[in-house]
Amino acid sequence: MATRRRRTESEPVRREQLLGAARRVFREKGYNGATISDIVREAGVAQGTFYLYYSSKNAIAISLMEGVMERMAAAAESAMKSEASFEMKLGTLIGASFQVARQNADLFALAFIGADETHPEMHSESREHASILNTATDLFSEAIGAGDMKTMDPKIAARLVIGLMQHAIIEAFVSGEGEGDEPERLEQGVRVLLANALVRQP
């Protein structure tokens, strides 16, 4: 019984150890250049240990991206809990999304460059992505009901807004366009564009 308990307690630690190693290897070698052997060598574990937690290189890469999307979903939800105006909440949602992307630019590159063609499931809609869409939809529904947002289908608005932010984030941190102050300019551009498009002026 004691052995089982120690193993259970170590599982999250071991998983994080493998994720951290995979992230470092992917950052250095890219998705296609990385191997499971590289990851276990970096983690300092046996190759068999890897397969206790992940079935493949693709599986651990997807897990890394899911972690980023979880952080982005949490940031979006937190941004919506304030008592600020709709325009301020919208700006906070954009800022929080860019901040998570800024802190995880290597993982966005992993999803949208290294595995873009061969593993599209890495950037398909996930539970976390759906959570962000739902948060944005709720924000827009509330704002339309209060007369603070121009009238439109809130679900369509959420899809368009998240799509625009995703594209801007890729431009800022993945495609090579975002050099110097370009990420900040793109973030500000999204803020201004969406405020003008969505916020109902008094």
N, C-alpha and C. Protein backbone atom coordinates (compact mmCIF):
# COMPACT_ATOMS: atom_id res chain seq x y z
N MET A 1 0.83 -1.21 0.00
CA MET A 1 0.00 0.00 0.00
C MET A 1 0.86 1.26 0.00
N ALA A 2 1.93 1.26 0.81
CA ALA A 2 2.80 2.43 0.88
C ALA A 2 3.47 2.68 -0.46
N THR A 3 3.87 1.59 -1.16
CA THR A 3 4.52 1.74 -2.46
C THR A 3 3.57 2.39 -3.45
N ARG A 4 2.30 1.93 -3.46
CA ARG A 4 1.32 2.51 -4.35
C ARG A 4 1.13 4.00 -4.08
N ARG A 5 1.10 4.38 -2.80
CA ARG A 5 0.89 5.78 -2.45
C ARG A 5 2.06 6.63 -2.93
N ARG A 6 3.29 6.15 -2.72
CA ARG A 6 4.46 6.92 -3.16
C ARG A 6 4.44 7.09 -4.67
N ARG A 7 4.06 6.02 -5.40
CA ARG A 7 4.05 6.10 -6.86
C ARG A 7 3.00 7.11 -7.33
N THR A 8 1.81 7.07 -6.69
CA THR A 8 0.74 8.00 -7.07
C THR A 8 1.19 9.44 -6.84
N GLU A 9 1.85 9.68 -5.69
CA GLU A 9 2.30 11.03 -5.39
C GLU A 9 3.36 11.50 -6.38
N SER A 10 4.14 10.58 -6.93
CA SER A 10 5.22 10.97 -7.83
C SER A 10 4.76 11.17 -9.27
N GLU A 11 3.56 10.69 -9.59
CA GLU A 11 3.12 10.75 -10.99
C GLU A 11 3.03 12.18 -11.53
N PRO A 12 2.40 13.12 -10.80
CA PRO A 12 2.37 14.49 -11.32
C PRO A 12 3.76 15.09 -11.49
N VAL A 13 4.65 14.77 -10.54
CA VAL A 13 6.02 15.28 -10.62
C VAL A 13 6.72 14.71 -11.84
N ARG A 14 6.58 13.42 -12.05
CA ARG A 14 7.22 12.76 -13.20
C ARG A 14 6.65 13.31 -14.51
N ARG A 15 5.35 13.53 -14.54
CA ARG A 15 4.72 14.06 -15.76
C ARG A 15 5.27 15.46 -16.06
N GLU A 16 5.37 16.29 -15.03
CA GLU A 16 5.91 17.64 -15.23
C GLU A 16 7.38 17.58 -15.65
N GLN A 17 8.11 16.63 -15.11
CA GLN A 17 9.51 16.44 -15.49
C GLN A 17 9.62 16.13 -16.98
N LEU A 18 8.78 15.24 -17.47
CA LEU A 18 8.79 14.87 -18.89
C LEU A 18 8.32 16.04 -19.75
N LEU A 19 7.30 16.76 -19.30
CA LEU A 19 6.82 17.90 -20.07
C LEU A 19 7.88 18.98 -20.19
N GLY A 20 8.56 19.26 -19.07
CA GLY A 20 9.62 20.26 -19.10
C GLY A 20 10.75 19.86 -20.03
N ALA A 21 11.13 18.59 -19.98
CA ALA A 21 12.19 18.09 -20.86
C ALA A 21 11.77 18.18 -22.32
N ALA A 22 10.52 17.78 -22.60
CA ALA A 22 10.03 17.83 -23.98
C ALA A 22 10.02 19.26 -24.49
N ARG A 23 9.61 20.18 -23.65
CA ARG A 23 9.57 21.58 -24.08
C ARG A 23 10.96 22.09 -24.43
N ARG A 24 11.94 21.74 -23.61
CA ARG A 24 13.31 22.18 -23.89
C ARG A 24 13.84 21.54 -25.18
N VAL A 25 13.54 20.28 -25.39
CA VAL A 25 14.01 19.59 -26.60
C VAL A 25 13.32 20.16 -27.84
N PHE A 26 12.01 20.37 -27.77
CA PHE A 26 11.28 20.93 -28.91
C PHE A 26 11.79 22.33 -29.24
N ARG A 27 12.10 23.10 -28.17
CA ARG A 27 12.59 24.46 -28.40
C ARG A 27 13.94 24.43 -29.12
N GLU A 28 14.77 23.47 -28.75
CA GLU A 28 16.11 23.38 -29.34
C GLU A 28 16.10 22.76 -30.73
N LYS A 29 15.32 21.68 -30.92
CA LYS A 29 15.41 20.90 -32.15
C LYS A 29 14.19 21.02 -33.06
N GLY A 30 13.11 21.64 -32.55
CA GLY A 30 11.87 21.65 -33.32
C GLY A 30 11.15 20.32 -33.19
N TYR A 31 9.89 20.32 -33.59
CA TYR A 31 9.10 19.09 -33.43
C TYR A 31 9.69 17.95 -34.27
N ASN A 32 9.94 18.22 -35.54
CA ASN A 32 10.38 17.16 -36.43
C ASN A 32 11.78 16.64 -36.08
N GLY A 33 12.62 17.50 -35.52
CA GLY A 33 13.98 17.07 -35.19
C GLY A 33 14.09 16.37 -33.85
N ALA A 34 13.08 16.50 -33.01
CA ALA A 34 13.12 15.90 -31.68
C ALA A 34 12.73 14.43 -31.72
N THR A 35 13.29 13.65 -30.80
CA THR A 35 12.93 12.25 -30.66
C THR A 35 12.59 11.95 -29.21
N ILE A 36 11.91 10.85 -29.00
CA ILE A 36 11.61 10.43 -27.64
C ILE A 36 12.90 10.16 -26.87
N SER A 37 13.90 9.62 -27.56
CA SER A 37 15.20 9.39 -26.92
C SER A 37 15.79 10.70 -26.40
N ASP A 38 15.66 11.77 -27.19
CA ASP A 38 16.14 13.08 -26.75
C ASP A 38 15.41 13.53 -25.48
N ILE A 39 14.10 13.31 -25.46
CA ILE A 39 13.28 13.77 -24.34
C ILE A 39 13.64 13.02 -23.06
N VAL A 40 13.76 11.69 -23.15
CA VAL A 40 14.07 10.93 -21.93
C VAL A 40 15.49 11.20 -21.46
N ARG A 41 16.39 11.45 -22.40
CA ARG A 41 17.77 11.80 -22.02
C ARG A 41 17.77 13.13 -21.27
N GLU A 42 17.01 14.10 -21.77
CA GLU A 42 16.92 15.41 -21.12
C GLU A 42 16.26 15.29 -19.75
N ALA A 43 15.27 14.41 -19.64
CA ALA A 43 14.55 14.24 -18.37
C ALA A 43 15.32 13.37 -17.38
N GLY A 44 16.29 12.59 -17.88
CA GLY A 44 17.05 11.71 -17.01
C GLY A 44 16.26 10.50 -16.55
N VAL A 45 15.40 9.99 -17.44
CA VAL A 45 14.60 8.81 -17.10
C VAL A 45 14.77 7.76 -18.18
N ALA A 46 14.33 6.54 -17.88
CA ALA A 46 14.38 5.46 -18.86
C ALA A 46 13.29 5.64 -19.91
N GLN A 47 13.52 5.12 -21.10
CA GLN A 47 12.54 5.28 -22.18
C GLN A 47 11.20 4.64 -21.81
N GLY A 48 11.26 3.53 -21.07
CA GLY A 48 10.02 2.89 -20.65
C GLY A 48 9.17 3.79 -19.78
N THR A 49 9.82 4.65 -19.00
CA THR A 49 9.09 5.58 -18.13
C THR A 49 8.25 6.54 -18.96
N PHE A 50 8.79 6.98 -20.09
CA PHE A 50 8.05 7.88 -20.98
C PHE A 50 6.70 7.27 -21.34
N TYR A 51 6.71 6.00 -21.72
CA TYR A 51 5.49 5.36 -22.21
C TYR A 51 4.49 5.05 -21.11
N LEU A 52 4.88 5.20 -19.85
CA LEU A 52 3.91 5.10 -18.76
C LEU A 52 2.97 6.29 -18.76
N TYR A 53 3.42 7.41 -19.35
CA TYR A 53 2.66 8.65 -19.28
C TYR A 53 2.18 9.15 -20.64
N TYR A 54 2.95 8.89 -21.68
CA TYR A 54 2.62 9.39 -23.01
C TYR A 54 2.83 8.30 -24.05
N SER A 55 1.90 8.20 -24.99
CA SER A 55 1.98 7.12 -25.98
C SER A 55 2.92 7.43 -27.12
N SER A 56 3.26 8.72 -27.32
CA SER A 56 4.08 9.10 -28.47
C SER A 56 4.62 10.51 -28.28
N LYS A 57 5.49 10.91 -29.19
CA LYS A 57 6.00 12.29 -29.20
C LYS A 57 4.84 13.25 -29.45
N ASN A 58 3.94 12.88 -30.34
CA ASN A 58 2.79 13.72 -30.63
C ASN A 58 1.92 13.92 -29.39
N ALA A 59 1.75 12.86 -28.60
CA ALA A 59 0.90 12.94 -27.41
C ALA A 59 1.46 13.93 -26.40
N ILE A 60 2.78 13.94 -26.20
CA ILE A 60 3.34 14.86 -25.22
C ILE A 60 3.33 16.29 -25.76
N ALA A 61 3.46 16.46 -27.08
CA ALA A 61 3.36 17.79 -27.67
C ALA A 61 1.95 18.35 -27.50
N ILE A 62 0.95 17.51 -27.71
CA ILE A 62 -0.44 17.93 -27.51
C ILE A 62 -0.68 18.30 -26.06
N SER A 63 -0.11 17.53 -25.13
CA SER A 63 -0.26 17.83 -23.71
C SER A 63 0.34 19.19 -23.36
N LEU A 64 1.47 19.52 -23.97
CA LEU A 64 2.07 20.83 -23.76
C LEU A 64 1.13 21.94 -24.22
N MET A 65 0.54 21.77 -25.40
CA MET A 65 -0.36 22.79 -25.92
C MET A 65 -1.62 22.90 -25.08
N GLU A 66 -2.12 21.76 -24.59
CA GLU A 66 -3.30 21.79 -23.73
C GLU A 66 -3.02 22.60 -22.46
N GLY A 67 -1.79 22.48 -21.95
CA GLY A 67 -1.42 23.26 -20.77
C GLY A 67 -1.48 24.75 -21.04
N VAL A 68 -1.02 25.16 -22.22
CA VAL A 68 -1.08 26.58 -22.59
C VAL A 68 -2.52 27.04 -22.70
N MET A 69 -3.36 26.23 -23.35
CA MET A 69 -4.75 26.61 -23.53
C MET A 69 -5.47 26.66 -22.18
N GLU A 70 -5.10 25.79 -21.25
CA GLU A 70 -5.67 25.86 -19.90
C GLU A 70 -5.33 27.18 -19.24
N ARG A 71 -4.07 27.62 -19.39
CA ARG A 71 -3.67 28.90 -18.79
C ARG A 71 -4.40 30.06 -19.46
N MET A 72 -4.59 29.96 -20.77
CA MET A 72 -5.30 31.03 -21.48
C MET A 72 -6.77 31.06 -21.08
N ALA A 73 -7.38 29.88 -20.93
CA ALA A 73 -8.78 29.82 -20.51
C ALA A 73 -8.94 30.39 -19.10
N ALA A 74 -8.00 30.07 -18.21
CA ALA A 74 -8.06 30.58 -16.84
C ALA A 74 -7.88 32.09 -16.82
N ALA A 75 -6.98 32.60 -17.66
CA ALA A 75 -6.76 34.05 -17.74
C ALA A 75 -8.00 34.75 -18.26
N ALA A 76 -8.65 34.16 -19.26
CA ALA A 76 -9.87 34.76 -19.82
C ALA A 76 -10.98 34.78 -18.78
N GLU A 77 -11.14 33.68 -18.05
CA GLU A 77 -12.19 33.61 -17.04
C GLU A 77 -11.93 34.61 -15.92
N SER A 78 -10.67 34.72 -15.52
CA SER A 78 -10.32 35.68 -14.46
C SER A 78 -10.59 37.11 -14.91
N ALA A 79 -10.29 37.39 -16.18
CA ALA A 79 -10.48 38.75 -16.71
C ALA A 79 -11.94 39.16 -16.67
N MET A 80 -12.85 38.19 -16.76
CA MET A 80 -14.27 38.50 -16.84
C MET A 80 -14.93 38.69 -15.48
N LYS A 81 -14.19 38.43 -14.38
CA LYS A 81 -14.80 38.48 -13.05
C LYS A 81 -14.83 39.88 -12.45
N SER A 82 -14.20 40.83 -13.09
CA SER A 82 -14.16 42.18 -12.54
C SER A 82 -15.50 42.88 -12.76
N GLU A 83 -15.66 44.00 -12.09
CA GLU A 83 -16.87 44.81 -12.24
C GLU A 83 -16.65 45.95 -13.23
N ALA A 84 -15.64 45.82 -14.06
CA ALA A 84 -15.29 46.89 -15.01
C ALA A 84 -16.32 46.98 -16.12
N SER A 85 -16.18 48.02 -16.93
CA SER A 85 -17.06 48.20 -18.09
C SER A 85 -16.78 47.13 -19.13
N PHE A 86 -17.71 47.00 -20.08
CA PHE A 86 -17.53 46.02 -21.15
C PHE A 86 -16.25 46.30 -21.93
N GLU A 87 -15.99 47.55 -22.25
CA GLU A 87 -14.79 47.89 -23.02
C GLU A 87 -13.52 47.51 -22.25
N MET A 88 -13.53 47.74 -20.93
CA MET A 88 -12.35 47.38 -20.14
C MET A 88 -12.19 45.86 -20.04
N LYS A 89 -13.30 45.14 -19.90
CA LYS A 89 -13.24 43.69 -19.86
C LYS A 89 -12.71 43.14 -21.18
N LEU A 90 -13.16 43.72 -22.27
CA LEU A 90 -12.69 43.29 -23.59
C LEU A 90 -11.18 43.51 -23.70
N GLY A 91 -10.72 44.67 -23.25
CA GLY A 91 -9.29 44.96 -23.28
C GLY A 91 -8.50 44.02 -22.39
N THR A 92 -9.08 43.67 -21.22
CA THR A 92 -8.41 42.75 -20.31
C THR A 92 -8.32 41.35 -20.92
N LEU A 93 -9.38 40.93 -21.59
CA LEU A 93 -9.36 39.63 -22.27
C LEU A 93 -8.26 39.57 -23.32
N ILE A 94 -8.14 40.62 -24.10
CA ILE A 94 -7.09 40.67 -25.13
C ILE A 94 -5.71 40.68 -24.48
N GLY A 95 -5.53 41.52 -23.47
CA GLY A 95 -4.24 41.62 -22.80
C GLY A 95 -3.83 40.31 -22.15
N ALA A 96 -4.77 39.63 -21.50
CA ALA A 96 -4.47 38.36 -20.84
C ALA A 96 -4.07 37.30 -21.85
N SER A 97 -4.75 37.28 -22.99
CA SER A 97 -4.44 36.30 -24.03
C SER A 97 -3.05 36.53 -24.60
N PHE A 98 -2.72 37.79 -24.87
CA PHE A 98 -1.39 38.10 -25.39
C PHE A 98 -0.31 37.80 -24.37
N GLN A 99 -0.60 38.01 -23.08
CA GLN A 99 0.40 37.76 -22.05
C GLN A 99 0.73 36.27 -21.97
N VAL A 100 -0.30 35.43 -22.01
CA VAL A 100 -0.06 33.98 -21.99
C VAL A 100 0.73 33.56 -23.23
N ALA A 101 0.36 34.12 -24.37
CA ALA A 101 1.08 33.79 -25.61
C ALA A 101 2.53 34.25 -25.55
N ARG A 102 2.75 35.43 -24.98
CA ARG A 102 4.11 35.97 -24.87
C ARG A 102 4.99 35.05 -24.01
N GLN A 103 4.40 34.50 -22.96
CA GLN A 103 5.14 33.63 -22.05
C GLN A 103 5.34 32.22 -22.62
N ASN A 104 4.60 31.89 -23.68
CA ASN A 104 4.64 30.53 -24.24
C ASN A 104 4.81 30.55 -25.76
N ALA A 105 5.59 31.51 -26.24
CA ALA A 105 5.76 31.65 -27.69
C ALA A 105 6.33 30.39 -28.33
N ASP A 106 7.22 29.70 -27.61
CA ASP A 106 7.82 28.49 -28.16
C ASP A 106 6.79 27.40 -28.40
N LEU A 107 5.77 27.33 -27.53
CA LEU A 107 4.75 26.30 -27.69
C LEU A 107 3.77 26.64 -28.80
N PHE A 108 3.50 27.93 -29.00
CA PHE A 108 2.68 28.31 -30.15
C PHE A 108 3.41 27.98 -31.44
N ALA A 109 4.72 28.19 -31.46
CA ALA A 109 5.50 27.83 -32.64
C ALA A 109 5.45 26.33 -32.87
N LEU A 110 5.48 25.56 -31.79
CA LEU A 110 5.40 24.11 -31.89
C LEU A 110 4.09 23.69 -32.56
N ALA A 111 3.01 24.32 -32.18
CA ALA A 111 1.70 23.95 -32.71
C ALA A 111 1.48 24.44 -34.13
N PHE A 112 1.96 25.65 -34.42
CA PHE A 112 1.59 26.27 -35.69
C PHE A 112 2.69 26.26 -36.73
N ILE A 113 3.86 25.73 -36.38
CA ILE A 113 4.92 25.57 -37.39
C ILE A 113 5.37 24.12 -37.43
N GLY A 114 5.96 23.64 -36.33
CA GLY A 114 6.54 22.31 -36.34
C GLY A 114 5.56 21.20 -36.64
N ALA A 115 4.31 21.35 -36.23
CA ALA A 115 3.34 20.28 -36.45
C ALA A 115 2.15 20.77 -37.26
N ASP A 116 2.32 21.86 -37.97
CA ASP A 116 1.19 22.49 -38.64
C ASP A 116 0.54 21.58 -39.67
N GLU A 117 1.35 20.95 -40.51
CA GLU A 117 0.78 20.15 -41.57
C GLU A 117 0.54 18.70 -41.14
N THR A 118 1.48 18.12 -40.41
CA THR A 118 1.40 16.69 -40.14
C THR A 118 0.55 16.35 -38.93
N HIS A 119 0.36 17.30 -38.02
CA HIS A 119 -0.41 17.01 -36.81
C HIS A 119 -1.38 18.16 -36.51
N PRO A 120 -2.38 18.35 -37.37
CA PRO A 120 -3.30 19.48 -37.17
C PRO A 120 -4.09 19.38 -35.88
N GLU A 121 -4.17 18.17 -35.27
CA GLU A 121 -4.91 18.03 -34.02
C GLU A 121 -4.28 18.85 -32.90
N MET A 122 -3.02 19.24 -33.06
CA MET A 122 -2.36 20.04 -32.02
C MET A 122 -2.95 21.42 -31.91
N HIS A 123 -3.61 21.90 -32.96
CA HIS A 123 -4.24 23.21 -32.83
C HIS A 123 -5.71 23.17 -33.25
N SER A 124 -6.32 22.00 -33.12
CA SER A 124 -7.76 21.90 -33.34
C SER A 124 -8.48 22.34 -32.07
N GLU A 125 -9.79 22.45 -32.16
CA GLU A 125 -10.54 22.92 -31.02
C GLU A 125 -10.49 21.88 -29.90
N SER A 126 -10.13 22.33 -28.73
CA SER A 126 -10.03 21.47 -27.55
C SER A 126 -11.07 21.90 -26.53
N ARG A 127 -11.13 21.18 -25.42
CA ARG A 127 -12.02 21.56 -24.33
C ARG A 127 -11.67 22.95 -23.82
N GLU A 128 -10.38 23.24 -23.75
CA GLU A 128 -9.94 24.55 -23.26
C GLU A 128 -10.32 25.66 -24.24
N HIS A 129 -10.17 25.36 -25.56
CA HIS A 129 -10.56 26.33 -26.58
C HIS A 129 -12.05 26.61 -26.48
N ALA A 130 -12.84 25.57 -26.28
CA ALA A 130 -14.29 25.74 -26.12
C ALA A 130 -14.60 26.59 -24.90
N SER A 131 -13.80 26.43 -23.82
CA SER A 131 -14.01 27.22 -22.62
C SER A 131 -13.79 28.70 -22.88
N ILE A 132 -12.75 29.03 -23.66
CA ILE A 132 -12.48 30.43 -24.00
C ILE A 132 -13.63 30.99 -24.83
N LEU A 133 -14.11 30.20 -25.80
CA LEU A 133 -15.23 30.64 -26.63
C LEU A 133 -16.48 30.89 -25.78
N ASN A 134 -16.72 30.00 -24.82
CA ASN A 134 -17.89 30.16 -23.96
C ASN A 134 -17.77 31.40 -23.09
N THR A 135 -16.57 31.65 -22.58
CA THR A 135 -16.35 32.85 -21.76
C THR A 135 -16.62 34.11 -22.57
N ALA A 136 -16.09 34.16 -23.79
CA ALA A 136 -16.30 35.32 -24.65
C ALA A 136 -17.78 35.45 -25.03
N THR A 137 -18.43 34.33 -25.32
CA THR A 137 -19.86 34.36 -25.66
C THR A 137 -20.68 34.92 -24.50
N ASP A 138 -20.37 34.48 -23.29
CA ASP A 138 -21.09 34.99 -22.11
C ASP A 138 -20.86 36.49 -21.93
N LEU A 139 -19.62 36.93 -22.14
CA LEU A 139 -19.31 38.36 -22.03
C LEU A 139 -20.13 39.16 -23.02
N PHE A 140 -20.19 38.70 -24.27
CA PHE A 140 -20.89 39.43 -25.31
C PHE A 140 -22.40 39.40 -25.09
N SER A 141 -22.93 38.27 -24.65
CA SER A 141 -24.37 38.17 -24.36
C SER A 141 -24.77 39.18 -23.29
N GLU A 142 -23.96 39.24 -22.24
CA GLU A 142 -24.23 40.17 -21.14
C GLU A 142 -24.14 41.61 -21.62
N ALA A 143 -23.11 41.91 -22.43
CA ALA A 143 -22.93 43.29 -22.89
C ALA A 143 -24.04 43.72 -23.85
N ILE A 144 -24.49 42.81 -24.70
CA ILE A 144 -25.58 43.14 -25.62
C ILE A 144 -26.86 43.39 -24.82
N GLY A 145 -27.11 42.53 -23.82
CA GLY A 145 -28.29 42.70 -22.99
C GLY A 145 -28.30 44.02 -22.24
N ALA A 146 -27.10 44.47 -21.86
CA ALA A 146 -26.98 45.73 -21.11
C ALA A 146 -26.94 46.95 -22.02
N GLY A 147 -26.91 46.72 -23.34
CA GLY A 147 -26.84 47.83 -24.29
C GLY A 147 -25.45 48.40 -24.45
N ASP A 148 -24.41 47.67 -23.99
CA ASP A 148 -23.04 48.16 -24.07
C ASP A 148 -22.32 47.70 -25.34
N MET A 149 -22.89 46.72 -26.03
CA MET A 149 -22.27 46.18 -27.24
C MET A 149 -23.26 46.24 -28.38
N LYS A 150 -22.73 46.49 -29.58
CA LYS A 150 -23.58 46.50 -30.77
C LYS A 150 -24.24 45.14 -30.94
N THR A 151 -25.46 45.14 -31.41
CA THR A 151 -26.24 43.91 -31.48
C THR A 151 -25.74 43.00 -32.59
N MET A 152 -25.42 41.77 -32.21
CA MET A 152 -25.07 40.71 -33.16
C MET A 152 -25.13 39.38 -32.42
N ASP A 153 -25.02 38.29 -33.16
CA ASP A 153 -25.02 36.97 -32.54
C ASP A 153 -23.78 36.84 -31.66
N PRO A 154 -23.94 36.67 -30.34
CA PRO A 154 -22.76 36.62 -29.46
C PRO A 154 -21.84 35.44 -29.74
N LYS A 155 -22.39 34.32 -30.19
CA LYS A 155 -21.55 33.16 -30.50
C LYS A 155 -20.68 33.44 -31.72
N ILE A 156 -21.27 34.08 -32.75
CA ILE A 156 -20.49 34.45 -33.93
C ILE A 156 -19.43 35.47 -33.55
N ALA A 157 -19.80 36.45 -32.72
CA ALA A 157 -18.84 37.46 -32.27
C ALA A 157 -17.67 36.80 -31.56
N ALA A 158 -17.96 35.83 -30.69
CA ALA A 158 -16.89 35.14 -29.95
C ALA A 158 -15.97 34.41 -30.90
N ARG A 159 -16.52 33.70 -31.87
CA ARG A 159 -15.69 32.96 -32.82
C ARG A 159 -14.80 33.90 -33.61
N LEU A 160 -15.36 35.03 -34.05
CA LEU A 160 -14.57 35.98 -34.83
C LEU A 160 -13.49 36.64 -33.99
N VAL A 161 -13.82 37.01 -32.77
CA VAL A 161 -12.85 37.67 -31.89
C VAL A 161 -11.70 36.73 -31.55
N ILE A 162 -12.03 35.48 -31.17
CA ILE A 162 -10.98 34.53 -30.83
C ILE A 162 -10.12 34.22 -32.05
N GLY A 163 -10.75 34.12 -33.22
CA GLY A 163 -9.99 33.88 -34.45
C GLY A 163 -9.04 35.03 -34.76
N LEU A 164 -9.51 36.26 -34.58
CA LEU A 164 -8.66 37.43 -34.83
C LEU A 164 -7.49 37.45 -33.85
N MET A 165 -7.76 37.19 -32.57
CA MET A 165 -6.69 37.20 -31.58
C MET A 165 -5.68 36.09 -31.88
N GLN A 166 -6.17 34.92 -32.27
CA GLN A 166 -5.26 33.83 -32.59
C GLN A 166 -4.35 34.20 -33.75
N HIS A 167 -4.92 34.79 -34.79
CA HIS A 167 -4.12 35.19 -35.94
C HIS A 167 -3.08 36.24 -35.54
N ALA A 168 -3.50 37.22 -34.74
CA ALA A 168 -2.57 38.27 -34.30
C ALA A 168 -1.46 37.69 -33.44
N ILE A 169 -1.78 36.72 -32.59
CA ILE A 169 -0.77 36.09 -31.74
C ILE A 169 0.23 35.33 -32.59
N ILE A 170 -0.24 34.63 -33.60
CA ILE A 170 0.67 33.92 -34.51
C ILE A 170 1.58 34.91 -35.21
N GLU A 171 1.03 36.02 -35.69
CA GLU A 171 1.84 37.05 -36.33
C GLU A 171 2.87 37.62 -35.35
N ALA A 172 2.46 37.78 -34.11
CA ALA A 172 3.32 38.42 -33.11
C ALA A 172 4.44 37.53 -32.63
N PHE A 173 4.16 36.23 -32.44
CA PHE A 173 5.11 35.39 -31.73
C PHE A 173 5.58 34.15 -32.48
N VAL A 174 5.02 33.88 -33.66
CA VAL A 174 5.34 32.63 -34.34
C VAL A 174 5.93 32.84 -35.73
N SER A 175 5.27 33.64 -36.55
CA SER A 175 5.59 33.67 -37.98
C SER A 175 6.88 34.42 -38.31
N GLY A 176 7.45 35.11 -37.33
CA GLY A 176 8.66 35.87 -37.61
C GLY A 176 8.39 37.33 -37.91
N GLU A 177 7.09 37.66 -38.03
CA GLU A 177 6.72 39.05 -38.29
C GLU A 177 6.88 39.91 -37.03
N GLY A 178 6.70 39.27 -35.87
CA GLY A 178 6.65 40.04 -34.64
C GLY A 178 7.99 40.36 -34.04
N GLU A 179 8.74 41.24 -34.67
CA GLU A 179 10.04 41.63 -34.15
C GLU A 179 9.96 43.02 -33.52
N GLY A 180 10.89 43.31 -32.61
CA GLY A 180 10.91 44.62 -31.97
C GLY A 180 9.63 44.86 -31.20
N ASP A 181 8.97 45.99 -31.48
CA ASP A 181 7.74 46.32 -30.77
C ASP A 181 6.50 45.84 -31.52
N GLU A 182 6.69 44.99 -32.53
CA GLU A 182 5.56 44.52 -33.32
C GLU A 182 4.50 43.80 -32.49
N PRO A 183 4.87 42.93 -31.55
CA PRO A 183 3.82 42.30 -30.73
C PRO A 183 2.94 43.30 -30.00
N GLU A 184 3.55 44.34 -29.42
CA GLU A 184 2.77 45.36 -28.71
C GLU A 184 1.88 46.13 -29.68
N ARG A 185 2.38 46.41 -30.88
CA ARG A 185 1.58 47.12 -31.88
C ARG A 185 0.41 46.27 -32.34
N LEU A 186 0.64 44.98 -32.50
CA LEU A 186 -0.45 44.08 -32.90
C LEU A 186 -1.50 43.98 -31.80
N GLU A 187 -1.05 43.87 -30.56
CA GLU A 187 -2.01 43.81 -29.45
C GLU A 187 -2.85 45.09 -29.40
N GLN A 188 -2.19 46.22 -29.52
CA GLN A 188 -2.92 47.49 -29.49
C GLN A 188 -3.87 47.60 -30.67
N GLY A 189 -3.44 47.11 -31.83
CA GLY A 189 -4.30 47.12 -33.01
C GLY A 189 -5.56 46.31 -32.81
N VAL A 190 -5.42 45.14 -32.18
CA VAL A 190 -6.58 44.31 -31.89
C VAL A 190 -7.51 45.02 -30.91
N ARG A 191 -6.94 45.65 -29.90
CA ARG A 191 -7.75 46.38 -28.92
C ARG A 191 -8.59 47.47 -29.60
N VAL A 192 -7.94 48.29 -30.43
CA VAL A 192 -8.63 49.40 -31.08
C VAL A 192 -9.69 48.90 -32.06
N LEU A 193 -9.30 47.90 -32.87
CA LEU A 193 -10.22 47.36 -33.86
C LEU A 193 -11.48 46.79 -33.21
N LEU A 194 -11.31 45.99 -32.16
CA LEU A 194 -12.45 45.36 -31.53
C LEU A 194 -13.29 46.36 -30.74
N ALA A 195 -12.65 47.33 -30.12
CA ALA A 195 -13.41 48.36 -29.40
C ALA A 195 -14.30 49.13 -30.38
N ASN A 196 -13.73 49.50 -31.54
CA ASN A 196 -14.50 50.23 -32.54
C ASN A 196 -15.62 49.38 -33.14
N ALA A 197 -15.34 48.08 -33.28
CA ALA A 197 -16.29 47.19 -33.92
C ALA A 197 -17.44 46.77 -32.99
N LEU A 198 -17.15 46.65 -31.70
CA LEU A 198 -18.12 46.02 -30.80
C LEU A 198 -18.75 46.95 -29.78
N VAL A 199 -17.99 47.92 -29.30
CA VAL A 199 -18.50 48.73 -28.18
C VAL A 199 -19.50 49.76 -28.70
N ARG A 200 -20.68 49.78 -28.09
CA ARG A 200 -21.69 50.76 -28.45
C ARG A 200 -21.37 52.09 -27.76
N GLN A 201 -21.23 53.12 -28.54
CA GLN A 201 -20.91 54.42 -27.99
C GLN A 201 -22.15 55.10 -27.43
N PRO A 202 -22.03 55.84 -26.33
CA PRO A 202 -23.20 56.51 -25.72
C PRO A 202 -23.74 57.59 -26.66
